[in-house]
Amino acid sequence: MRASLERILGKPVVFPVEITLSSGDTYLLPHPDHAHMHPNTRDLIIYPDEGPFSLVVNPDQIVSIRPVRKAS
């Protein structure tokens, strides 16, 4: 999953994306700058526009990552 996340974070054209966790929580990432992979662990750090300042997510807890249509 880490390789997939790094690939997605490296492609700004696929953004915005919505990440759904196994808890049912969803987070909108409008741009790759809103998340990064922790350099020393396998965790994903999310910086949501709303809610907590940052969120540490184990990639095993990610159920889906889907592109969100941009408003026309």
PDB file of N, CA and C in Angstrom:
ATOM      1  N   MET A   1       0.818  -1.191   0.000  1.00  0.00           N
ATOM      2  CA  MET A   1       0.000   0.000   0.000  1.00  0.00           C
ATOM      3  C   MET A   1       0.866   1.260   0.000  1.00  0.00           C
ATOM      4  N   ARG A   2       2.019   1.214   0.683  1.00  0.00           N
ATOM      5  CA  ARG A   2       2.881   2.403   0.737  1.00  0.00           C
ATOM      6  C   ARG A   2       3.299   2.841  -0.664  1.00  0.00           C
ATOM      7  N   ALA A   3       3.674   1.902  -1.511  1.00  0.00           N
ATOM      8  CA  ALA A   3       4.090   2.241  -2.874  1.00  0.00           C
ATOM      9  C   ALA A   3       2.930   2.885  -3.641  1.00  0.00           C
ATOM     10  N   SER A   4       1.726   2.363  -3.447  1.00  0.00           N
ATOM     11  CA  SER A   4       0.548   2.933  -4.113  1.00  0.00           C
ATOM     12  C   SER A   4       0.299   4.360  -3.632  1.00  0.00           C
ATOM     13  N   LEU A   5       0.402   4.579  -2.330  1.00  0.00           N
ATOM     14  CA  LEU A   5       0.196   5.916  -1.776  1.00  0.00           C
ATOM     15  C   LEU A   5       1.245   6.897  -2.290  1.00  0.00           C
ATOM     16  N   GLU A   6       2.494   6.458  -2.333  1.00  0.00           N
ATOM     17  CA  GLU A   6       3.556   7.330  -2.830  1.00  0.00           C
ATOM     18  C   GLU A   6       3.329   7.677  -4.299  1.00  0.00           C
ATOM     19  N   ARG A   7       2.845   6.713  -5.074  1.00  0.00           N
ATOM     20  CA  ARG A   7       2.545   6.958  -6.485  1.00  0.00           C
ATOM     21  C   ARG A   7       1.430   7.995  -6.635  1.00  0.00           C
ATOM     22  N   ILE A   8       0.377   7.839  -5.841  1.00  0.00           N
ATOM     23  CA  ILE A   8      -0.750   8.778  -5.893  1.00  0.00           C
ATOM     24  C   ILE A   8      -0.310  10.168  -5.452  1.00  0.00           C
ATOM     25  N   LEU A   9       0.456  10.246  -4.375  1.00  0.00           N
ATOM     26  CA  LEU A   9       0.904  11.548  -3.871  1.00  0.00           C
ATOM     27  C   LEU A   9       1.837  12.243  -4.854  1.00  0.00           C
ATOM     28  N   GLY A  10       2.455  11.483  -5.735  1.00  0.00           N
ATOM     29  CA  GLY A  10       3.357  12.047  -6.725  1.00  0.00           C
ATOM     30  C   GLY A  10       2.673  12.510  -7.992  1.00  0.00           C
ATOM     31  N   LYS A  11       1.354  12.350  -8.088  1.00  0.00           N
ATOM     32  CA  LYS A  11       0.614  12.733  -9.291  1.00  0.00           C
ATOM     33  C   LYS A  11      -0.466  13.762  -8.963  1.00  0.00           C
ATOM     34  N   PRO A  12      -0.133  15.029  -9.010  1.00  0.00           N
ATOM     35  CA  PRO A  12      -1.134  16.060  -8.691  1.00  0.00           C
ATOM     36  C   PRO A  12      -2.358  16.045  -9.600  1.00  0.00           C
ATOM     37  N   VAL A  13      -2.240  15.456 -10.789  1.00  0.00           N
ATOM     38  CA  VAL A  13      -3.383  15.455 -11.717  1.00  0.00           C
ATOM     39  C   VAL A  13      -4.530  14.589 -11.227  1.00  0.00           C
ATOM     40  N   VAL A  14      -4.289  13.637 -10.315  1.00  0.00           N
ATOM     41  CA  VAL A  14      -5.369  12.778  -9.818  1.00  0.00           C
ATOM     42  C   VAL A  14      -6.130  13.412  -8.654  1.00  0.00           C
ATOM     43  N   PHE A  15      -5.672  14.553  -8.197  1.00  0.00           N
ATOM     44  CA  PHE A  15      -6.307  15.216  -7.054  1.00  0.00           C
ATOM     45  C   PHE A  15      -7.430  16.120  -7.518  1.00  0.00           C
ATOM     46  N   PRO A  16      -8.424  16.349  -6.692  1.00  0.00           N
ATOM     47  CA  PRO A  16      -8.570  15.940  -5.296  1.00  0.00           C
ATOM     48  C   PRO A  16      -8.962  14.467  -5.180  1.00  0.00           C
ATOM     49  N   VAL A  17      -8.594  13.862  -4.047  1.00  0.00           N
ATOM     50  CA  VAL A  17      -8.973  12.489  -3.740  1.00  0.00           C
ATOM     51  C   VAL A  17      -9.623  12.442  -2.366  1.00  0.00           C
ATOM     52  N   GLU A  18     -10.425  11.418  -2.167  1.00  0.00           N
ATOM     53  CA  GLU A  18     -11.052  11.187  -0.868  1.00  0.00           C
ATOM     54  C   GLU A  18     -10.530   9.865  -0.331  1.00  0.00           C
ATOM     55  N   ILE A  19     -10.048   9.892   0.891  1.00  0.00           N
ATOM     56  CA  ILE A  19      -9.542   8.691   1.557  1.00  0.00           C
ATOM     57  C   ILE A  19     -10.583   8.243   2.565  1.00  0.00           C
ATOM     58  N   THR A  20     -10.961   6.977   2.492  1.00  0.00           N
ATOM     59  CA  THR A  20     -11.910   6.404   3.447  1.00  0.00           C
ATOM     60  C   THR A  20     -11.161   5.402   4.324  1.00  0.00           C
ATOM     61  N   LEU A  21     -11.333   5.541   5.636  1.00  0.00           N
ATOM     62  CA  LEU A  21     -10.686   4.652   6.596  1.00  0.00           C
ATOM     63  C   LEU A  21     -11.646   3.548   7.027  1.00  0.00           C
ATOM     64  N   SER A  22     -11.115   2.511   7.643  1.00  0.00           N
ATOM     65  CA  SER A  22     -11.947   1.391   8.091  1.00  0.00           C
ATOM     66  C   SER A  22     -12.958   1.826   9.152  1.00  0.00           C
ATOM     67  N   SER A  23     -12.721   2.937   9.818  1.00  0.00           N
ATOM     68  CA  SER A  23     -13.662   3.463  10.812  1.00  0.00           C
ATOM     69  C   SER A  23     -14.867   4.126  10.151  1.00  0.00           C
ATOM     70  N   GLY A  24     -14.785   4.358   8.832  1.00  0.00           N
ATOM     71  CA  GLY A  24     -15.839   5.052   8.121  1.00  0.00           C
ATOM     72  C   GLY A  24     -15.543   6.532   7.934  1.00  0.00           C
ATOM     73  N   ASP A  25     -14.528   7.045   8.609  1.00  0.00           N
ATOM     74  CA  ASP A  25     -14.138   8.447   8.455  1.00  0.00           C
ATOM     75  C   ASP A  25     -13.593   8.678   7.049  1.00  0.00           C
ATOM     76  N   THR A  26     -13.910   9.830   6.483  1.00  0.00           N
ATOM     77  CA  THR A  26     -13.386  10.191   5.166  1.00  0.00           C
ATOM     78  C   THR A  26     -12.651  11.519   5.264  1.00  0.00           C
ATOM     79  N   TYR A  27     -11.614  11.652   4.460  1.00  0.00           N
ATOM     80  CA  TYR A  27     -10.812  12.873   4.437  1.00  0.00           C
ATOM     81  C   TYR A  27     -10.580  13.275   2.994  1.00  0.00           C
ATOM     82  N   LEU A  28     -10.855  14.521   2.702  1.00  0.00           N
ATOM     83  CA  LEU A  28     -10.641  15.059   1.374  1.00  0.00           C
ATOM     84  C   LEU A  28      -9.233  15.635   1.306  1.00  0.00           C
ATOM     85  N   LEU A  29      -8.501  15.217   0.301  1.00  0.00           N
ATOM     86  CA  LEU A  29      -7.174  15.766   0.058  1.00  0.00           C
ATOM     87  C   LEU A  29      -7.241  16.539  -1.255  1.00  0.00           C
ATOM     88  N   PRO A  30      -7.332  17.872  -1.178  1.00  0.00           N
ATOM     89  CA  PRO A  30      -7.460  18.652  -2.402  1.00  0.00           C
ATOM     90  C   PRO A  30      -6.181  18.713  -3.228  1.00  0.00           C
ATOM     91  N   HIS A  31      -5.037  18.440  -2.592  1.00  0.00           N
ATOM     92  CA  HIS A  31      -3.741  18.550  -3.265  1.00  0.00           C
ATOM     93  C   HIS A  31      -2.755  17.630  -2.550  1.00  0.00           C
ATOM     94  N   PRO A  32      -1.718  17.143  -3.250  1.00  0.00           N
ATOM     95  CA  PRO A  32      -0.745  16.259  -2.581  1.00  0.00           C
ATOM     96  C   PRO A  32      -0.042  16.894  -1.392  1.00  0.00           C
ATOM     97  N   ASP A  33      -0.035  18.225  -1.314  1.00  0.00           N
ATOM     98  CA  ASP A  33       0.592  18.899  -0.174  1.00  0.00           C
ATOM     99  C   ASP A  33      -0.157  18.659   1.131  1.00  0.00           C
ATOM    100  N   HIS A  34      -1.357  18.095   1.066  1.00  0.00           N
ATOM    101  CA  HIS A  34      -2.161  17.843   2.258  1.00  0.00           C
ATOM    102  C   HIS A  34      -1.852  16.487   2.902  1.00  0.00           C
ATOM    103  N   ALA A  35      -0.846  15.784   2.384  1.00  0.00           N
ATOM    104  CA  ALA A  35      -0.469  14.490   2.967  1.00  0.00           C
ATOM    105  C   ALA A  35       0.962  14.152   2.575  1.00  0.00           C
ATOM    106  N   HIS A  36       1.603  13.346   3.395  1.00  0.00           N
ATOM    107  CA  HIS A  36       2.907  12.800   3.023  1.00  0.00           C
ATOM    108  C   HIS A  36       3.150  11.507   3.795  1.00  0.00           C
ATOM    109  N   MET A  37       4.063  10.721   3.276  1.00  0.00           N
ATOM    110  CA  MET A  37       4.449   9.487   3.947  1.00  0.00           C
ATOM    111  C   MET A  37       5.537   9.816   4.961  1.00  0.00           C
ATOM    112  N   HIS A  38       5.374   9.306   6.180  1.00  0.00           N
ATOM    113  CA  HIS A  38       6.371   9.538   7.219  1.00  0.00           C
ATOM    114  C   HIS A  38       7.684   8.892   6.770  1.00  0.00           C
ATOM    115  N   PRO A  39       8.811   9.592   6.889  1.00  0.00           N
ATOM    116  CA  PRO A  39      10.070   9.041   6.371  1.00  0.00           C
ATOM    117  C   PRO A  39      10.620   7.842   7.150  1.00  0.00           C
ATOM    118  N   ASN A  40      10.261   7.704   8.425  1.00  0.00           N
ATOM    119  CA  ASN A  40      10.829   6.628   9.234  1.00  0.00           C
ATOM    120  C   ASN A  40       9.852   5.504   9.564  1.00  0.00           C
ATOM    121  N   THR A  41       8.599   5.699   9.229  1.00  0.00           N
ATOM    122  CA  THR A  41       7.606   4.658   9.468  1.00  0.00           C
ATOM    123  C   THR A  41       6.814   4.477   8.193  1.00  0.00           C
ATOM    124  N   ARG A  42       5.851   3.593   8.203  1.00  0.00           N
ATOM    125  CA  ARG A  42       5.033   3.398   7.005  1.00  0.00           C
ATOM    126  C   ARG A  42       3.749   4.205   7.043  1.00  0.00           C
ATOM    127  N   ASP A  43       3.630   5.104   8.016  1.00  0.00           N
ATOM    128  CA  ASP A  43       2.392   5.851   8.210  1.00  0.00           C
ATOM    129  C   ASP A  43       2.202   6.976   7.197  1.00  0.00           C
ATOM    130  N   LEU A  44       0.933   7.289   6.952  1.00  0.00           N
ATOM    131  CA  LEU A  44       0.542   8.419   6.130  1.00  0.00           C
ATOM    132  C   LEU A  44       0.132   9.547   7.070  1.00  0.00           C
ATOM    133  N   ILE A  45       0.671  10.729   6.853  1.00  0.00           N
ATOM    134  CA  ILE A  45       0.307  11.895   7.650  1.00  0.00           C
ATOM    135  C   ILE A  45      -0.628  12.738   6.788  1.00  0.00           C
ATOM    136  N   ILE A  46      -1.837  13.020   7.311  1.00  0.00           N
ATOM    137  CA  ILE A  46      -2.834  13.801   6.598  1.00  0.00           C
ATOM    138  C   ILE A  46      -2.998  15.143   7.296  1.00  0.00           C
ATOM    139  N   TYR A  47      -3.048  16.201   6.511  1.00  0.00           N
ATOM    140  CA  TYR A  47      -3.281  17.553   7.022  1.00  0.00           C
ATOM    141  C   TYR A  47      -4.616  18.047   6.443  1.00  0.00           C
ATOM    142  N   PRO A  48      -5.735  17.684   7.087  1.00  0.00           N
ATOM    143  CA  PRO A  48      -7.046  18.068   6.546  1.00  0.00           C
ATOM    144  C   PRO A  48      -7.312  19.565   6.702  1.00  0.00           C
ATOM    145  N   ASP A  49      -8.142  20.102   5.785  1.00  0.00           N
ATOM    146  CA  ASP A  49      -8.536  21.508   5.885  1.00  0.00           C
ATOM    147  C   ASP A  49      -9.379  21.743   7.130  1.00  0.00           C
ATOM    148  N   GLU A  50     -10.208  20.758   7.490  1.00  0.00           N
ATOM    149  CA  GLU A  50     -11.064  20.862   8.668  1.00  0.00           C
ATOM    150  C   GLU A  50     -10.751  19.706   9.604  1.00  0.00           C
ATOM    151  N   GLY A  51     -10.975  19.924  10.869  1.00  0.00           N
ATOM    152  CA  GLY A  51     -10.743  18.861  11.843  1.00  0.00           C
ATOM    153  C   GLY A  51      -9.385  19.003  12.497  1.00  0.00           C
ATOM    154  N   PRO A  52      -8.759  17.876  12.842  1.00  0.00           N
ATOM    155  CA  PRO A  52      -7.480  17.933  13.568  1.00  0.00           C
ATOM    156  C   PRO A  52      -6.388  18.565  12.704  1.00  0.00           C
ATOM    157  N   PHE A  53      -5.378  19.116  13.374  1.00  0.00           N
ATOM    158  CA  PHE A  53      -4.267  19.738  12.662  1.00  0.00           C
ATOM    159  C   PHE A  53      -3.579  18.738  11.748  1.00  0.00           C
ATOM    160  N   SER A  54      -3.323  17.536  12.284  1.00  0.00           N
ATOM    161  CA  SER A  54      -2.747  16.461  11.472  1.00  0.00           C
ATOM    162  C   SER A  54      -3.270  15.133  11.995  1.00  0.00           C
ATOM    163  N   LEU A  55      -3.200  14.140  11.140  1.00  0.00           N
ATOM    164  CA  LEU A  55      -3.718  12.824  11.469  1.00  0.00           C
ATOM    165  C   LEU A  55      -2.728  11.786  10.967  1.00  0.00           C
ATOM    166  N   VAL A  56      -2.315  10.871  11.839  1.00  0.00           N
ATOM    167  CA  VAL A  56      -1.399   9.806  11.459  1.00  0.00           C
ATOM    168  C   VAL A  56      -2.232   8.559  11.172  1.00  0.00           C
ATOM    169  N   VAL A  57      -2.078   8.020   9.969  1.00  0.00           N
ATOM    170  CA  VAL A  57      -2.889   6.888   9.535  1.00  0.00           C
ATOM    171  C   VAL A  57      -1.993   5.735   9.124  1.00  0.00           C
ATOM    172  N   ASN A  58      -2.263   4.559   9.685  1.00  0.00           N
ATOM    173  CA  ASN A  58      -1.609   3.340   9.230  1.00  0.00           C
ATOM    174  C   ASN A  58      -2.250   2.976   7.896  1.00  0.00           C
ATOM    175  N   PRO A  59      -1.477   2.774   6.832  1.00  0.00           N
ATOM    176  CA  PRO A  59      -2.058   2.453   5.529  1.00  0.00           C
ATOM    177  C   PRO A  59      -2.972   1.229   5.535  1.00  0.00           C
ATOM    178  N   ASP A  60      -2.796   0.323   6.493  1.00  0.00           N
ATOM    179  CA  ASP A  60      -3.671  -0.847   6.594  1.00  0.00           C
ATOM    180  C   ASP A  60      -5.109  -0.444   6.940  1.00  0.00           C
ATOM    181  N   GLN A  61      -5.298   0.757   7.471  1.00  0.00           N
ATOM    182  CA  GLN A  61      -6.629   1.241   7.842  1.00  0.00           C
ATOM    183  C   GLN A  61      -7.354   1.937   6.691  1.00  0.00           C
ATOM    184  N   ILE A  62      -6.659   2.104   5.558  1.00  0.00           N
ATOM    185  CA  ILE A  62      -7.272   2.766   4.400  1.00  0.00           C
ATOM    186  C   ILE A  62      -8.073   1.750   3.611  1.00  0.00           C
ATOM    187  N   VAL A  63      -9.365   2.027   3.464  1.00  0.00           N
ATOM    188  CA  VAL A  63     -10.272   1.140   2.739  1.00  0.00           C
ATOM    189  C   VAL A  63     -10.299   1.511   1.260  1.00  0.00           C
ATOM    190  N   SER A  64     -10.336   2.813   0.978  1.00  0.00           N
ATOM    191  CA  SER A  64     -10.367   3.230  -0.424  1.00  0.00           C
ATOM    192  C   SER A  64      -9.783   4.623  -0.594  1.00  0.00           C
ATOM    193  N   ILE A  65      -9.284   4.843  -1.796  1.00  0.00           N
ATOM    194  CA  ILE A  65      -8.833   6.158  -2.226  1.00  0.00           C
ATOM    195  C   ILE A  65      -9.487   6.368  -3.581  1.00  0.00           C
ATOM    196  N   ARG A  66     -10.317   7.394  -3.664  1.00  0.00           N
ATOM    197  CA  ARG A  66     -11.016   7.609  -4.927  1.00  0.00           C
ATOM    198  C   ARG A  66     -10.893   9.063  -5.362  1.00  0.00           C
ATOM    199  N   PRO A  67     -10.760   9.272  -6.651  1.00  0.00           N
ATOM    200  CA  PRO A  67     -10.725  10.652  -7.135  1.00  0.00           C
ATOM    201  C   PRO A  67     -12.076  11.320  -6.974  1.00  0.00           C
ATOM    202  N   VAL A  68     -12.057  12.598  -6.708  1.00  0.00           N
ATOM    203  CA  VAL A  68     -13.284  13.380  -6.555  1.00  0.00           C
ATOM    204  C   VAL A  68     -13.360  14.298  -7.769  1.00  0.00           C
ATOM    205  N   ARG A  69     -14.530  14.339  -8.373  1.00  0.00           N
ATOM    206  CA  ARG A  69     -14.699  15.201  -9.544  1.00  0.00           C
ATOM    207  C   ARG A  69     -14.552  16.661  -9.147  1.00  0.00           C
ATOM    208  N   LYS A  70     -13.817  17.381  -9.958  1.00  0.00           N
ATOM    209  CA  LYS A  70     -13.668  18.807  -9.727  1.00  0.00           C
ATOM    210  C   LYS A  70     -14.929  19.512 -10.196  1.00  0.00           C
ATOM    211  N   ALA A  71     -15.349  20.518  -9.456  1.00  0.00           N
ATOM    212  CA  ALA A  71     -16.542  21.285  -9.834  1.00  0.00           C
ATOM    213  C   ALA A  71     -16.261  22.054 -11.115  1.00  0.00           C
ATOM    214  N   SER A  72     -17.224  22.055 -12.003  1.00  0.00           N
ATOM    215  CA  SER A  72     -17.041  22.753 -13.289  1.00  0.00           C
ATOM    216  C   SER A  72     -17.446  24.198 -13.174  1.00  0.00           C
TER     217      SER A  72
END
